[in-house]
N, C-alpha and C. Protein backbone atom coordinates (compact mmCIF):
# COMPACT_ATOMS: atom_id res chain seq x y z
N MET A 1 106.56 91.29 82.22
CA MET A 1 107.87 91.94 82.08
C MET A 1 108.46 90.23 81.97
N PRO A 2 109.26 90.24 80.66
CA PRO A 2 110.56 89.11 80.32
C PRO A 2 111.45 88.42 81.39
N GLU A 3 111.42 89.55 82.25
CA GLU A 3 113.05 89.19 83.15
C GLU A 3 112.81 89.86 84.64
N MET A 4 111.89 90.35 85.18
CA MET A 4 111.37 90.16 86.61
C MET A 4 110.52 90.54 86.53
N THR A 5 109.24 90.44 87.84
CA THR A 5 107.87 91.10 87.65
C THR A 5 108.25 92.47 88.98
N GLY A 6 106.96 92.70 88.34
CA GLY A 6 107.29 94.43 88.49
C GLY A 6 107.47 94.65 90.13
N VAL A 7 107.63 93.83 91.20
CA VAL A 7 107.80 94.31 92.22
C VAL A 7 109.15 94.08 91.86
N GLU A 8 109.55 93.40 92.06
CA GLU A 8 111.01 92.59 91.63
C GLU A 8 111.71 93.85 90.81
N ALA A 9 110.93 94.62 90.25
CA ALA A 9 111.54 96.10 89.00
C ALA A 9 111.55 96.82 90.19
N LEU A 10 110.45 97.07 91.31
CA LEU A 10 110.54 97.73 91.99
C LEU A 10 111.34 98.43 93.10
N LYS A 11 111.68 97.28 93.61
CA LYS A 11 112.91 96.48 94.46
C LYS A 11 113.97 97.34 94.76
N GLU A 12 114.69 96.88 92.60
CA GLU A 12 115.67 97.24 92.61
C GLU A 12 116.03 98.40 91.70
N ILE A 13 114.86 99.32 91.52
CA ILE A 13 114.91 101.31 91.02
C ILE A 13 114.93 101.28 92.66
N LYS A 14 114.05 101.06 93.23
CA LYS A 14 114.57 101.55 95.20
C LYS A 14 115.73 101.48 95.85
N LYS A 15 116.47 100.07 95.06
CA LYS A 15 117.68 100.07 95.95
C LYS A 15 118.23 101.04 95.63
N ILE A 16 118.32 101.69 93.94
CA ILE A 16 118.84 102.30 93.64
C ILE A 16 118.86 104.06 94.04
N ASN A 17 118.11 103.85 94.10
CA ASN A 17 116.72 105.48 94.66
C ASN A 17 115.61 105.24 95.40
N PRO A 18 116.48 104.97 96.78
CA PRO A 18 115.49 104.80 97.92
C PRO A 18 114.11 106.27 98.01
N TYR A 19 114.07 107.25 97.40
CA TYR A 19 113.60 108.13 97.40
C TYR A 19 112.74 108.39 95.95
N ALA A 20 112.54 107.78 95.59
CA ALA A 20 111.82 107.32 93.65
C ALA A 20 110.16 107.73 93.51
N THR A 21 110.02 107.72 93.02
CA THR A 21 108.61 107.93 93.67
C THR A 21 108.37 107.11 92.12
N ILE A 22 107.52 106.18 92.82
CA ILE A 22 106.69 104.89 91.73
C ILE A 22 105.75 104.48 91.77
N ILE A 23 105.18 104.68 90.71
CA ILE A 23 103.83 104.33 90.27
C ILE A 23 103.52 103.30 89.87
N MET A 24 102.87 102.02 89.70
CA MET A 24 102.94 100.93 89.35
C MET A 24 101.79 100.60 88.63
N CYS A 25 101.87 100.07 87.25
CA CYS A 25 100.35 100.25 86.38
C CYS A 25 100.54 98.03 86.14
N SER A 26 99.27 97.91 86.20
CA SER A 26 99.31 95.90 86.17
C SER A 26 98.23 96.02 85.52
N ALA A 27 97.91 95.20 84.73
CA ALA A 27 96.50 94.53 84.07
C ALA A 27 95.99 93.94 85.11
N MET A 28 96.71 93.12 86.31
CA MET A 28 95.97 92.29 87.07
C MET A 28 95.90 93.30 88.89
N GLY A 29 94.67 92.72 88.99
CA GLY A 29 95.10 93.98 90.09
C GLY A 29 94.98 92.75 91.50
N GLN A 30 95.27 91.91 91.43
CA GLN A 30 95.56 91.15 92.48
C GLN A 30 96.64 91.46 93.58
N GLN A 31 95.11 91.33 94.83
CA GLN A 31 95.31 91.79 95.85
C GLN A 31 96.72 91.78 96.66
N ALA A 32 96.96 89.78 96.42
CA ALA A 32 98.79 90.13 96.98
C ALA A 32 99.76 91.27 96.57
N MET A 33 99.64 91.42 95.01
CA MET A 33 100.63 92.05 93.91
C MET A 33 100.44 93.38 94.36
N VAL A 34 99.61 93.69 94.55
CA VAL A 34 98.83 95.11 95.13
C VAL A 34 99.76 95.29 96.69
N VAL A 35 98.89 94.75 97.62
CA VAL A 35 100.21 94.58 98.80
C VAL A 35 101.40 94.75 99.00
N ASP A 36 102.40 93.60 97.95
CA ASP A 36 103.53 94.18 97.74
C ASP A 36 104.18 94.89 97.51
N ALA A 37 103.44 95.84 96.36
CA ALA A 37 103.93 96.55 95.62
C ALA A 37 103.97 98.18 96.52
N ILE A 38 102.83 98.23 97.48
CA ILE A 38 103.08 99.09 98.42
C ILE A 38 104.02 99.13 99.56
N LYS A 39 104.19 97.98 99.58
CA LYS A 39 104.93 97.24 101.22
C LYS A 39 106.41 97.52 100.28
N TYR A 40 107.27 97.78 99.61
CA TYR A 40 107.81 97.40 99.02
C TYR A 40 108.54 98.98 98.65
N GLY A 41 107.23 99.72 98.54
CA GLY A 41 107.16 101.53 98.11
C GLY A 41 107.15 102.07 96.95
N ALA A 42 105.83 101.65 96.73
CA ALA A 42 105.09 102.54 95.62
C ALA A 42 104.64 102.97 95.90
N LYS A 43 103.80 104.00 95.20
CA LYS A 43 103.12 105.46 95.50
C LYS A 43 101.78 104.80 95.32
N ASP A 44 101.50 104.33 94.67
CA ASP A 44 100.27 104.33 94.11
C ASP A 44 100.06 102.69 92.96
N LEU A 45 99.39 102.08 92.72
CA LEU A 45 99.02 101.48 91.86
C LEU A 45 97.13 101.93 90.82
N ILE A 46 97.52 102.03 89.52
CA ILE A 46 97.15 101.76 88.63
C ILE A 46 96.57 100.44 88.15
N VAL A 47 95.23 100.20 87.55
CA VAL A 47 95.05 99.04 87.25
C VAL A 47 94.79 99.60 85.62
N SER A 48 95.60 98.54 84.90
CA SER A 48 95.53 99.41 83.06
C SER A 48 94.38 99.16 82.58
N SER A 49 93.48 99.15 82.97
CA SER A 49 92.07 98.65 82.08
C SER A 49 91.56 99.90 82.14
N LEU A 50 92.03 100.56 82.35
CA LEU A 50 91.16 102.16 82.48
C LEU A 50 91.37 102.57 81.19
N GLN A 51 90.20 103.41 81.32
CA GLN A 51 90.17 103.94 79.62
C GLN A 51 91.62 105.40 80.01
N LYS A 52 92.21 105.34 78.24
CA LYS A 52 93.07 106.00 78.05
C LYS A 52 93.02 108.14 78.92
N GLU A 53 91.30 108.27 78.66
CA GLU A 53 91.38 109.54 79.44
C GLU A 53 91.26 109.57 80.61
N ALA A 54 90.62 108.68 81.48
CA ALA A 54 91.40 108.30 83.04
C ALA A 54 92.54 108.49 83.40
N LEU A 55 93.20 107.72 82.80
CA LEU A 55 94.63 107.51 83.19
C LEU A 55 95.64 108.44 82.40
N ASP A 56 95.02 109.66 81.64
CA ASP A 56 95.44 111.26 81.63
C ASP A 56 95.17 111.39 82.46
N LYS A 57 93.86 111.96 82.86
CA LYS A 57 93.54 112.44 84.01
C LYS A 57 94.35 112.47 85.83
N ILE A 58 94.25 110.73 85.78
CA ILE A 58 95.73 110.95 86.60
C ILE A 58 96.51 110.94 86.70
N CYS A 59 97.81 111.37 85.59
CA CYS A 59 98.95 111.25 85.72
C CYS A 59 99.02 113.53 85.24
N THR A 60 98.64 113.31 85.27
CA THR A 60 98.32 115.74 84.74
C THR A 60 98.18 116.32 85.59
N GLY A 61 97.24 114.99 87.23
CA GLY A 61 96.53 115.41 87.88
C GLY A 61 95.31 116.93 87.67
């Protein structure tokens, strides 16, 4: 992301709406980023290398 990281965006969204449900999507499954995302309120994290069909199934329940 050109202006901020996903975790920084997550923090800003949570400031605006602490009840927002946020699922992060990342091409990098780095442990530190995953821990930070959950720590700052992400509901879940999806590694974007998943096939489109798997991602559709996750998003539609």
